[in-house]
Amino acid sequence: MAHDHAHHHDLPTRFYLFGGKGGVGKTTLAAANALRLAAAGERTLLVSTDPAHSVSDLLEARLGAEPTAAGENLWAMEIDPQADAQAYVEGIREDAQAAVSKAVLPALDRHLKLAVQAPGTAESALFDRFTRIMEWCPQRFDRIVFDTAPSGHTLRLLTLPSMLGAWVEGLQAQRAKVNKLQGMWRSMAGVREPEREDRVLTRLRQRAERFAQARHRLHDESVFHPVLQAERLPIEETARVIEQLRDTHIPVGALYVNRLWPADESSAFVTERVAQQNEYLAEIRERFARHELIEVAQSARDIVGRAQLDALAARLSAPSAG
């Protein structure tokens, strides 16, 4: 894998993945970063998976499943992981129908119904969608910001190239054998039937190639930004994800420490709150010393709408004070 790191620096960062548990403000920070990139003249696409559609509210634009213009050099889209999982499984079913005998279809359907609910499916579907979106860059867009990265766990599964590759190869070999036998029977019987089963193979091969391509680009052209708050659980979560990402060779960029309370001498409560936060902040600075930290002050109110988002974007692009 060492050779991959050698040319990493020749390629620009094209993909920005924001990760972190729900409620730490990663959607807002991803949106602010997308604005920052767009303002720098980059054709930027912000991809949101936030079910609350808060990106639509932040950008004051009606977003859907296709990129929608949301300002100069800025486009945004919202994907629904649950609907994607449904469509993803439906695609698998169509492929399988062509490939399996009618007798096993009911069992297959039962299995796939469960699969839609399975925790990994939405994430696989999401990653599948991410890999397709990545293909739009750099032709349609210069930069793509994802407001939610797949978990370190999923990314790690998908960076084991051997697994998916070997699986597809095995299936291909099996299918090829079946096709050959069927072909022999057909020619003996004098029947010419189109090879519709090969659609399955082609789709699998395309998926394997797309995943491999995405994997290389995640190494060479991506950065993962953990978002956390100065609190116990987010700290542990961030440490765990960084640990998982070490194996994936996806560069970890700056950590965004969000929602920092301002010091206020007039209130004992706030003083205590800030003191505790500073203890956690000291721990974050120590534990994540190898990473750049971007410390973001808590806004007095939740960030809603474009003006506040613009202000935050400006704050992020200014070199951090202190």
Protein backbone atom coordinates (compact mmCIF):
# COMPACT_ATOMS: atom_id res chain seq x y z
CA MET A 1 0.00 0.00 0.00
CA ALA A 2 3.02 2.26 0.47
CA HIS A 3 3.07 3.36 -3.16
CA ASP A 4 -0.37 4.89 -2.80
CA HIS A 5 0.91 7.35 -0.25
CA ALA A 6 3.73 8.47 -2.50
CA HIS A 7 1.49 10.11 -5.07
CA HIS A 8 -1.13 11.25 -2.61
CA HIS A 9 0.21 14.79 -2.60
CA ASP A 10 0.03 15.21 -6.36
CA LEU A 11 -3.75 15.01 -6.34
CA PRO A 12 -6.05 17.73 -5.04
CA THR A 13 -8.52 16.98 -2.28
CA ARG A 14 -11.84 16.53 -4.05
CA PHE A 15 -14.00 14.79 -1.43
CA TYR A 16 -14.70 16.05 2.08
CA LEU A 17 -16.36 13.56 4.42
CA PHE A 18 -17.84 14.87 7.67
CA GLY A 19 -18.30 12.21 10.34
CA GLY A 20 -19.54 12.17 13.89
CA LYS A 21 -22.51 11.12 15.97
CA GLY A 22 -25.91 12.74 15.48
CA GLY A 23 -26.38 16.11 17.08
CA VAL A 24 -22.80 17.39 16.97
CA GLY A 25 -23.61 19.82 14.16
CA LYS A 26 -21.81 18.09 11.30
CA THR A 27 -24.48 19.02 8.75
CA THR A 28 -24.04 22.71 9.55
CA LEU A 29 -20.24 22.49 9.39
CA ALA A 30 -20.37 20.53 6.13
CA ALA A 31 -22.69 23.17 4.65
CA ALA A 32 -20.44 26.00 5.85
CA ASN A 33 -17.44 24.26 4.27
CA ALA A 34 -19.29 23.79 1.01
CA LEU A 35 -20.02 27.54 1.01
CA ARG A 36 -16.37 28.27 1.73
CA LEU A 37 -15.23 26.13 -1.24
CA ALA A 38 -17.86 27.64 -3.54
CA ALA A 39 -16.79 31.14 -2.51
CA ALA A 40 -13.22 30.19 -3.51
CA GLY A 41 -14.50 29.55 -7.03
CA GLU A 42 -14.79 25.76 -6.84
CA ARG A 43 -17.87 24.13 -8.35
CA THR A 44 -19.05 22.48 -5.15
CA LEU A 45 -21.72 19.86 -4.50
CA LEU A 46 -23.02 19.36 -0.96
CA VAL A 47 -24.53 15.92 -0.41
CA SER A 48 -26.79 15.68 2.61
CA THR A 49 -28.21 12.53 4.16
CA ASP A 50 -29.87 14.45 6.96
CA PRO A 51 -33.45 13.15 7.29
CA ALA A 52 -34.57 16.45 8.86
CA HIS A 53 -33.82 18.29 5.57
CA SER A 54 -31.95 20.90 7.57
CA VAL A 55 -29.68 21.60 4.61
CA SER A 56 -32.70 22.82 2.63
CA ASP A 57 -33.41 25.21 5.49
CA LEU A 58 -29.78 26.29 5.89
CA LEU A 59 -29.30 27.02 2.20
CA GLU A 60 -32.85 28.31 1.81
CA ALA A 61 -33.21 26.11 -1.26
CA ARG A 62 -35.60 23.28 -2.08
CA LEU A 63 -33.41 20.24 -2.49
CA GLY A 64 -34.18 16.82 -3.84
CA ALA A 65 -32.42 13.68 -4.98
CA GLU A 66 -30.68 15.48 -7.87
CA PRO A 67 -28.14 18.31 -7.57
CA THR A 68 -29.95 21.65 -7.31
CA ALA A 69 -28.30 25.05 -7.69
CA ALA A 70 -28.03 26.75 -4.30
CA GLY A 71 -25.85 29.76 -5.04
CA GLU A 72 -22.83 30.69 -7.09
CA ASN A 73 -20.69 27.58 -7.70
CA LEU A 74 -22.84 25.72 -5.20
CA TRP A 75 -25.17 22.78 -5.72
CA ALA A 76 -26.78 20.59 -3.10
CA MET A 77 -28.79 17.38 -2.94
CA GLU A 78 -30.49 15.38 -0.20
CA ILE A 79 -30.51 11.62 -0.28
CA ASP A 80 -32.81 9.39 1.69
CA PRO A 81 -30.79 6.37 2.85
CA GLN A 82 -33.94 4.35 3.61
CA ALA A 83 -35.39 4.84 0.12
CA ASP A 84 -31.95 4.11 -1.31
CA ALA A 85 -31.74 0.87 0.67
CA GLN A 86 -35.12 -0.11 -0.75
CA ALA A 87 -34.00 0.60 -4.32
CA TYR A 88 -30.66 -1.10 -3.73
CA VAL A 89 -32.30 -4.31 -2.54
CA GLU A 90 -34.82 -4.10 -5.41
CA GLY A 91 -31.88 -3.98 -7.83
CA ILE A 92 -30.37 -7.05 -6.21
CA ARG A 93 -33.73 -8.81 -6.52
CA GLU A 94 -34.00 -8.06 -10.25
CA ASP A 95 -30.51 -9.39 -10.84
CA ALA A 96 -31.23 -12.48 -8.76
CA GLN A 97 -34.53 -13.17 -10.51
CA ALA A 98 -32.68 -13.49 -13.79
CA ALA A 99 -30.15 -15.80 -12.20
CA VAL A 100 -32.06 -18.14 -9.89
CA SER A 101 -34.80 -20.67 -10.46
CA LYS A 102 -38.41 -19.71 -9.77
CA ALA A 103 -38.60 -22.22 -6.91
CA VAL A 104 -36.29 -20.24 -4.64
CA LEU A 105 -37.82 -16.82 -5.35
CA PRO A 106 -40.20 -16.80 -2.33
CA ALA A 107 -37.31 -17.61 0.00
CA LEU A 108 -35.18 -14.97 -1.70
CA ASP A 109 -37.91 -12.37 -1.23
CA ARG A 110 -38.21 -13.17 2.47
CA HIS A 111 -34.47 -12.81 2.79
CA LEU A 112 -34.40 -9.48 0.95
CA LYS A 113 -37.26 -8.07 3.03
CA LEU A 114 -35.13 -8.66 6.09
CA ALA A 115 -32.11 -7.27 4.28
CA VAL A 116 -33.79 -3.88 3.80
CA GLN A 117 -34.17 -3.66 7.58
CA ALA A 118 -30.66 -4.93 8.34
CA PRO A 119 -28.37 -2.26 9.80
CA GLY A 120 -25.68 -2.76 7.17
CA THR A 121 -27.99 -2.38 4.21
CA ALA A 122 -28.73 1.33 4.45
CA GLU A 123 -25.03 1.94 4.93
CA SER A 124 -24.08 -0.26 1.93
CA ALA A 125 -26.72 1.46 -0.17
CA LEU A 126 -25.38 4.81 0.97
CA PHE A 127 -21.85 3.85 0.07
CA ASP A 128 -23.06 2.53 -3.27
CA ARG A 129 -24.68 5.91 -3.88
CA PHE A 130 -21.55 7.77 -2.70
CA THR A 131 -19.43 5.86 -5.23
CA ARG A 132 -21.80 6.92 -8.03
CA ILE A 133 -21.78 10.54 -6.91
CA MET A 134 -17.96 10.49 -6.74
CA GLU A 135 -17.93 9.75 -10.47
CA TRP A 136 -19.37 13.26 -11.14
CA CYS A 137 -16.12 14.75 -9.99
CA PRO A 138 -14.09 16.42 -11.55
CA GLN A 139 -16.24 16.68 -14.70
CA ARG A 140 -19.43 18.15 -13.22
CA PHE A 141 -18.05 19.34 -9.88
CA ASP A 142 -14.62 20.28 -8.57
CA ARG A 143 -15.38 19.42 -4.94
CA ILE A 144 -17.95 17.24 -3.23
CA VAL A 145 -18.79 17.61 0.46
CA PHE A 146 -20.64 14.74 2.17
CA ASP A 147 -22.39 15.82 5.35
CA THR A 148 -22.28 12.28 6.71
CA ALA A 149 -19.45 9.90 6.09
CA PRO A 150 -20.08 6.19 6.24
CA SER A 151 -18.85 4.96 9.62
CA GLY A 152 -15.20 3.99 9.94
CA HIS A 153 -16.47 0.44 10.18
CA THR A 154 -18.17 0.52 6.76
CA LEU A 155 -15.27 2.33 5.15
CA ARG A 156 -12.96 -0.32 6.49
CA LEU A 157 -15.07 -3.13 5.06
CA LEU A 158 -15.00 -1.46 1.70
CA THR A 159 -11.28 -0.84 1.76
CA LEU A 160 -10.62 -4.55 1.94
CA PRO A 161 -10.32 -4.80 -1.83
CA SER A 162 -9.76 -8.53 -1.73
CA MET A 163 -13.15 -9.22 -0.19
CA LEU A 164 -15.54 -7.76 -2.71
CA GLY A 165 -13.17 -8.51 -5.57
CA ALA A 166 -12.76 -12.16 -4.64
CA TRP A 167 -16.48 -12.52 -4.06
CA VAL A 168 -17.32 -11.14 -7.50
CA GLU A 169 -14.58 -13.24 -9.12
CA GLY A 170 -16.02 -16.35 -7.48
CA LEU A 171 -19.51 -15.51 -8.64
CA GLN A 172 -18.21 -14.77 -12.12
CA ALA A 173 -16.46 -18.12 -12.32
CA GLN A 174 -19.59 -19.89 -11.08
CA ARG A 175 -21.86 -18.02 -13.48
CA ALA A 176 -19.47 -18.61 -16.37
CA LYS A 177 -19.52 -22.34 -15.63
CA VAL A 178 -23.33 -22.39 -15.52
CA ASN A 179 -23.55 -20.31 -18.70
CA LYS A 180 -21.16 -22.66 -20.45
CA LEU A 181 -23.18 -25.73 -19.45
CA GLN A 182 -26.41 -24.07 -20.45
CA GLY A 183 -24.80 -23.05 -23.70
CA MET A 184 -23.80 -26.65 -24.39
CA TRP A 185 -27.32 -27.88 -23.66
CA ARG A 186 -28.81 -25.19 -25.84
CA SER A 187 -26.56 -25.90 -28.77
CA MET A 188 -27.27 -29.64 -28.45
CA ALA A 189 -30.99 -28.86 -28.36
CA GLY A 190 -30.55 -26.35 -31.17
CA VAL A 191 -31.97 -23.49 -29.08
CA ARG A 192 -30.53 -19.97 -29.31
CA GLU A 193 -31.34 -17.94 -26.25
CA PRO A 194 -29.85 -14.55 -25.41
CA GLU A 195 -27.53 -14.55 -22.42
CA ARG A 196 -29.73 -12.48 -20.12
CA GLU A 197 -28.05 -14.03 -17.07
CA ASP A 198 -24.87 -12.21 -17.95
CA ARG A 199 -26.56 -8.98 -16.94
CA VAL A 200 -25.98 -10.05 -13.33
CA LEU A 201 -22.29 -10.60 -13.95
CA THR A 202 -21.89 -7.33 -15.78
CA ARG A 203 -23.61 -5.43 -12.97
CA LEU A 204 -21.45 -7.13 -10.34
CA ARG A 205 -18.30 -6.47 -12.30
CA GLN A 206 -19.25 -2.82 -12.73
CA ARG A 207 -19.97 -2.50 -9.01
CA ALA A 208 -16.64 -4.10 -8.09
CA GLU A 209 -14.82 -1.74 -10.46
CA ARG A 210 -16.68 1.29 -9.15
CA PHE A 211 -15.88 0.33 -5.55
CA ALA A 212 -12.22 -0.21 -6.42
CA GLN A 213 -12.14 3.19 -8.12
CA ALA A 214 -13.84 4.85 -5.13
CA ARG A 215 -11.36 3.16 -2.82
CA HIS A 216 -8.41 4.66 -4.67
CA ARG A 217 -10.00 8.08 -4.69
CA LEU A 218 -10.78 7.84 -0.96
CA HIS A 219 -7.03 7.32 -0.42
CA ASP A 220 -5.75 9.90 -2.80
CA GLU A 221 -8.31 12.68 -3.08
CA SER A 222 -10.34 12.63 0.13
CA VAL A 223 -10.23 13.92 3.63
CA PHE A 224 -12.31 12.78 6.60
CA HIS A 225 -13.23 15.51 9.09
CA PRO A 226 -14.40 14.21 12.47
CA VAL A 227 -16.87 16.53 14.18
CA LEU A 228 -17.16 16.34 17.96
CA GLN A 229 -18.08 18.31 21.03
CA ALA A 230 -16.02 18.80 24.17
CA GLU A 231 -17.89 16.01 25.95
CA ARG A 232 -17.06 12.45 27.03
CA LEU A 233 -19.02 10.37 24.49
CA PRO A 234 -18.05 12.30 21.35
CA ILE A 235 -14.38 12.14 22.40
CA GLU A 236 -14.47 8.35 22.72
CA GLU A 237 -16.45 8.01 19.49
CA THR A 238 -13.93 10.17 17.62
CA ALA A 239 -10.98 8.19 18.96
CA ARG A 240 -12.69 4.99 17.80
CA VAL A 241 -13.41 6.27 14.30
CA ILE A 242 -9.88 7.63 13.86
CA GLU A 243 -8.59 4.24 14.96
CA GLN A 244 -10.83 2.49 12.41
CA LEU A 245 -9.80 4.91 9.70
CA ARG A 246 -6.10 4.19 10.28
CA ASP A 247 -6.56 0.88 8.45
CA THR A 248 -8.41 2.46 5.54
CA HIS A 249 -5.69 4.90 4.46
CA ILE A 250 -8.26 7.65 4.26
CA PRO A 251 -6.54 10.81 5.47
CA VAL A 252 -8.05 12.30 8.62
CA GLY A 253 -8.18 16.08 8.31
CA ALA A 254 -8.86 18.71 10.94
CA LEU A 255 -11.15 17.75 13.79
CA TYR A 256 -13.98 20.23 14.28
CA VAL A 257 -14.62 20.76 17.97
CA ASN A 258 -18.05 22.33 17.77
CA ARG A 259 -20.33 24.26 20.12
CA LEU A 260 -17.71 25.64 22.50
CA TRP A 261 -19.25 27.86 25.13
CA PRO A 262 -17.76 31.33 25.54
CA ALA A 263 -16.30 32.11 28.95
CA ASP A 264 -18.56 34.37 30.99
CA GLU A 265 -17.43 35.63 34.38
CA SER A 266 -20.89 36.82 35.38
CA SER A 267 -22.41 33.37 35.91
CA ALA A 268 -21.19 30.63 38.22
CA PHE A 269 -23.05 28.03 36.16
CA VAL A 270 -21.48 29.10 32.89
CA THR A 271 -18.07 29.33 34.59
CA GLU A 272 -18.39 25.72 35.76
CA ARG A 273 -19.70 24.59 32.39
CA VAL A 274 -16.80 26.29 30.61
CA ALA A 275 -14.28 24.89 33.09
CA GLN A 276 -15.50 21.35 32.42
CA GLN A 277 -15.46 21.98 28.71
CA ASN A 278 -11.89 23.27 28.95
CA GLU A 279 -10.84 20.06 30.71
CA TYR A 280 -12.29 18.05 27.83
CA LEU A 281 -10.75 20.44 25.34
CA ALA A 282 -7.33 19.96 26.93
CA GLU A 283 -7.84 16.20 26.62
CA ILE A 284 -8.86 16.57 22.97
CA ARG A 285 -5.75 18.68 22.24
CA GLU A 286 -3.57 16.06 23.91
CA ARG A 287 -5.19 12.90 22.54
CA PHE A 288 -5.53 14.21 19.02
CA ALA A 289 -2.27 16.16 19.00
CA ARG A 290 -1.32 14.63 15.64
CA HIS A 291 -4.33 16.22 14.00
CA GLU A 292 -5.17 19.82 13.27
CA LEU A 293 -8.04 21.06 15.42
CA ILE A 294 -10.60 23.63 14.38
CA GLU A 295 -12.40 24.90 17.46
CA VAL A 296 -15.82 26.35 16.74
CA ALA A 297 -17.62 28.53 19.25
CA GLN A 298 -21.21 27.76 20.17
CA SER A 299 -23.65 30.18 18.54
CA ALA A 300 -26.10 31.67 21.01
CA ARG A 301 -28.92 30.21 18.92
CA ASP A 302 -29.15 27.30 16.49
CA ILE A 303 -27.91 28.25 13.08
CA VAL A 304 -30.90 28.63 10.79
CA GLY A 305 -30.87 30.19 7.37
CA ARG A 306 -28.34 31.49 4.96
CA ALA A 307 -27.10 34.68 6.63
CA GLN A 308 -25.94 32.88 9.77
CA LEU A 309 -24.44 30.09 7.69
CA ASP A 310 -22.50 32.64 5.62
CA ALA A 311 -21.18 34.16 8.83
CA LEU A 312 -20.04 30.75 10.06
CA ALA A 313 -18.39 29.98 6.71
CA ALA A 314 -16.46 33.26 6.94
CA ARG A 315 -15.38 32.37 10.49
CA LEU A 316 -14.10 28.98 9.29
CA SER A 317 -12.08 30.37 6.41
CA ALA A 318 -10.33 32.96 8.58
CA PRO A 319 -7.19 31.49 10.17
CA SER A 320 -8.17 30.42 13.68
CA ALA A 321 -7.28 32.96 16.32
CA GLY A 322 -5.03 31.73 19.09
